[in-house]
């Protein structure tokens, strides 16, 4: 079986983009920078877990 190098890159990209989007949205709505950063990290973890689960599902 060949190694697919796009999957880890997509996983990292989704985590970074979701962290950035969540942090910026929190800052726009007036949240403190530390709290927004923490919430952004939670968003990154959730986004990465969702992508990982989608990668693990077998295709029909």
N, C-alpha and C. Protein backbone atom coordinates (compact mmCIF):
# COMPACT_ATOMS: atom_id res chain seq x y z
N UNK A 1 0.84 -1.18 0.00
CA UNK A 1 0.00 0.00 0.00
C UNK A 1 0.89 1.24 0.00
N UNK A 2 0.58 2.17 -0.89
CA UNK A 2 1.37 3.40 -1.00
C UNK A 2 0.99 4.37 0.09
N UNK A 3 1.98 5.12 0.56
CA UNK A 3 1.74 6.13 1.58
C UNK A 3 1.16 7.37 0.93
N UNK A 4 0.07 7.87 1.49
CA UNK A 4 -0.57 9.06 0.98
C UNK A 4 -0.10 10.26 1.81
N UNK A 5 0.73 11.10 1.22
CA UNK A 5 1.29 12.22 1.98
C UNK A 5 0.37 13.44 2.02
N UNK A 6 -0.73 13.41 1.28
CA UNK A 6 -1.67 14.54 1.31
C UNK A 6 -2.51 14.56 2.57
N UNK A 7 -2.80 13.41 3.13
CA UNK A 7 -3.66 13.36 4.32
C UNK A 7 -3.06 14.06 5.53
N UNK A 8 -1.81 13.82 5.89
CA UNK A 8 -1.25 14.57 7.02
C UNK A 8 -1.17 16.07 6.75
N UNK A 9 -0.86 16.43 5.51
CA UNK A 9 -0.81 17.86 5.18
C UNK A 9 -2.19 18.50 5.29
N UNK A 10 -3.21 17.81 4.83
CA UNK A 10 -4.57 18.33 4.95
C UNK A 10 -4.99 18.43 6.41
N UNK A 11 -4.60 17.48 7.21
CA UNK A 11 -4.93 17.49 8.63
C UNK A 11 -4.30 18.69 9.33
N UNK A 12 -3.03 18.95 9.04
CA UNK A 12 -2.34 20.10 9.63
C UNK A 12 -2.95 21.40 9.13
N UNK A 13 -3.24 21.47 7.84
CA UNK A 13 -3.82 22.67 7.25
C UNK A 13 -5.20 22.98 7.85
N UNK A 14 -6.03 21.98 8.02
CA UNK A 14 -7.36 22.19 8.61
C UNK A 14 -7.23 22.65 10.06
N UNK A 15 -6.31 22.06 10.80
CA UNK A 15 -6.13 22.46 12.20
C UNK A 15 -5.67 23.91 12.30
N UNK A 16 -4.71 24.31 11.47
CA UNK A 16 -4.21 25.68 11.52
C UNK A 16 -5.27 26.69 11.06
N UNK A 17 -5.99 26.36 10.00
CA UNK A 17 -7.02 27.28 9.52
C UNK A 17 -8.18 27.41 10.51
N UNK A 18 -8.60 26.31 11.10
CA UNK A 18 -9.69 26.40 12.05
C UNK A 18 -9.26 27.16 13.30
N UNK A 19 -8.03 26.98 13.73
CA UNK A 19 -7.52 27.76 14.88
C UNK A 19 -7.51 29.24 14.57
N UNK A 20 -7.05 29.58 13.39
CA UNK A 20 -6.98 30.98 12.99
C UNK A 20 -8.37 31.60 12.89
N UNK A 21 -9.29 30.90 12.28
CA UNK A 21 -10.65 31.43 12.10
C UNK A 21 -11.34 31.61 13.45
N UNK A 22 -11.26 30.61 14.32
CA UNK A 22 -11.92 30.70 15.62
C UNK A 22 -11.30 31.81 16.46
N UNK A 23 -9.98 31.93 16.45
CA UNK A 23 -9.32 32.99 17.22
C UNK A 23 -9.71 34.37 16.72
N UNK A 24 -9.71 34.55 15.41
CA UNK A 24 -10.09 35.85 14.86
C UNK A 24 -11.55 36.20 15.14
N UNK A 25 -12.44 35.23 15.03
CA UNK A 25 -13.84 35.49 15.34
C UNK A 25 -14.03 35.87 16.80
N UNK A 26 -13.34 35.18 17.68
CA UNK A 26 -13.45 35.51 19.11
C UNK A 26 -12.91 36.91 19.39
N UNK A 27 -11.81 37.28 18.76
CA UNK A 27 -11.26 38.62 18.95
C UNK A 27 -12.19 39.68 18.39
N UNK A 28 -12.85 39.38 17.27
CA UNK A 28 -13.79 40.34 16.69
C UNK A 28 -14.98 40.58 17.60
N UNK A 29 -15.40 39.57 18.34
CA UNK A 29 -16.54 39.71 19.24
C UNK A 29 -16.13 40.20 20.62
N UNK A 30 -14.88 40.63 20.79
CA UNK A 30 -14.47 41.30 22.02
C UNK A 30 -13.90 40.41 23.11
N UNK A 31 -13.47 39.24 22.78
CA UNK A 31 -12.91 38.34 23.78
C UNK A 31 -11.45 38.73 24.06
N UNK A 32 -10.95 38.40 25.23
CA UNK A 32 -9.54 38.62 25.54
C UNK A 32 -8.66 37.77 24.64
N UNK A 33 -7.43 38.22 24.42
CA UNK A 33 -6.53 37.51 23.52
C UNK A 33 -6.19 36.11 24.03
N UNK A 34 -5.97 35.99 25.34
CA UNK A 34 -5.63 34.67 25.90
C UNK A 34 -6.80 33.69 25.79
N UNK A 35 -8.00 34.17 26.09
CA UNK A 35 -9.17 33.31 26.00
C UNK A 35 -9.45 32.93 24.55
N UNK A 36 -9.27 33.89 23.64
CA UNK A 36 -9.50 33.61 22.22
C UNK A 36 -8.49 32.58 21.71
N UNK A 37 -7.26 32.69 22.17
CA UNK A 37 -6.24 31.72 21.76
C UNK A 37 -6.56 30.32 22.27
N UNK A 38 -7.03 30.24 23.51
CA UNK A 38 -7.41 28.94 24.07
C UNK A 38 -8.58 28.33 23.33
N UNK A 39 -9.58 29.14 23.03
CA UNK A 39 -10.73 28.66 22.29
C UNK A 39 -10.34 28.27 20.86
N UNK A 40 -9.39 29.01 20.29
CA UNK A 40 -8.88 28.66 18.96
C UNK A 40 -8.20 27.30 18.96
N UNK A 41 -7.47 26.99 20.02
CA UNK A 41 -6.81 25.69 20.11
C UNK A 41 -7.84 24.57 20.24
N UNK A 42 -8.90 24.82 20.99
CA UNK A 42 -9.98 23.82 21.09
C UNK A 42 -10.62 23.61 19.72
N UNK A 43 -10.82 24.69 18.98
CA UNK A 43 -11.37 24.58 17.63
C UNK A 43 -10.45 23.79 16.71
N UNK A 44 -9.14 24.00 16.86
CA UNK A 44 -8.18 23.26 16.04
C UNK A 44 -8.22 21.77 16.34
N UNK A 45 -8.32 21.42 17.60
CA UNK A 45 -8.38 20.01 17.99
C UNK A 45 -9.66 19.37 17.46
N UNK A 46 -10.78 20.07 17.59
CA UNK A 46 -12.05 19.54 17.10
C UNK A 46 -12.01 19.37 15.58
N UNK A 47 -11.49 20.38 14.88
CA UNK A 47 -11.38 20.27 13.43
C UNK A 47 -10.48 19.13 13.00
N UNK A 48 -9.37 18.94 13.70
CA UNK A 48 -8.45 17.84 13.37
C UNK A 48 -9.10 16.48 13.63
N UNK A 49 -9.85 16.37 14.72
CA UNK A 49 -10.51 15.09 15.00
C UNK A 49 -11.58 14.77 13.97
N UNK A 50 -12.31 15.78 13.53
CA UNK A 50 -13.33 15.56 12.51
C UNK A 50 -12.68 15.11 11.20
N UNK A 51 -11.60 15.78 10.81
CA UNK A 51 -10.91 15.38 9.58
C UNK A 51 -10.32 13.98 9.70
N UNK A 52 -9.76 13.65 10.85
CA UNK A 52 -9.18 12.33 11.05
C UNK A 52 -10.26 11.25 10.93
N UNK A 53 -11.42 11.51 11.53
CA UNK A 53 -12.51 10.53 11.43
C UNK A 53 -12.99 10.39 10.00
N UNK A 54 -13.03 11.47 9.24
CA UNK A 54 -13.44 11.38 7.85
C UNK A 54 -12.41 10.62 7.01
N UNK A 55 -11.14 10.75 7.34
CA UNK A 55 -10.11 10.01 6.62
C UNK A 55 -10.17 8.51 6.94
N UNK A 56 -10.56 8.17 8.15
CA UNK A 56 -10.56 6.77 8.57
C UNK A 56 -11.76 5.98 8.05
N UNK A 57 -12.84 6.65 7.64
CA UNK A 57 -14.01 5.95 7.15
C UNK A 57 -13.69 5.29 5.82
N UNK A 58 -14.11 4.05 5.68
CA UNK A 58 -13.88 3.39 4.38
C UNK A 58 -14.79 3.98 3.30
N UNK A 59 -14.27 4.05 2.11
CA UNK A 59 -15.06 4.56 0.99
C UNK A 59 -15.96 3.46 0.46
N UNK A 60 -17.12 3.85 -0.01
CA UNK A 60 -18.06 2.87 -0.55
C UNK A 60 -17.82 2.67 -2.02
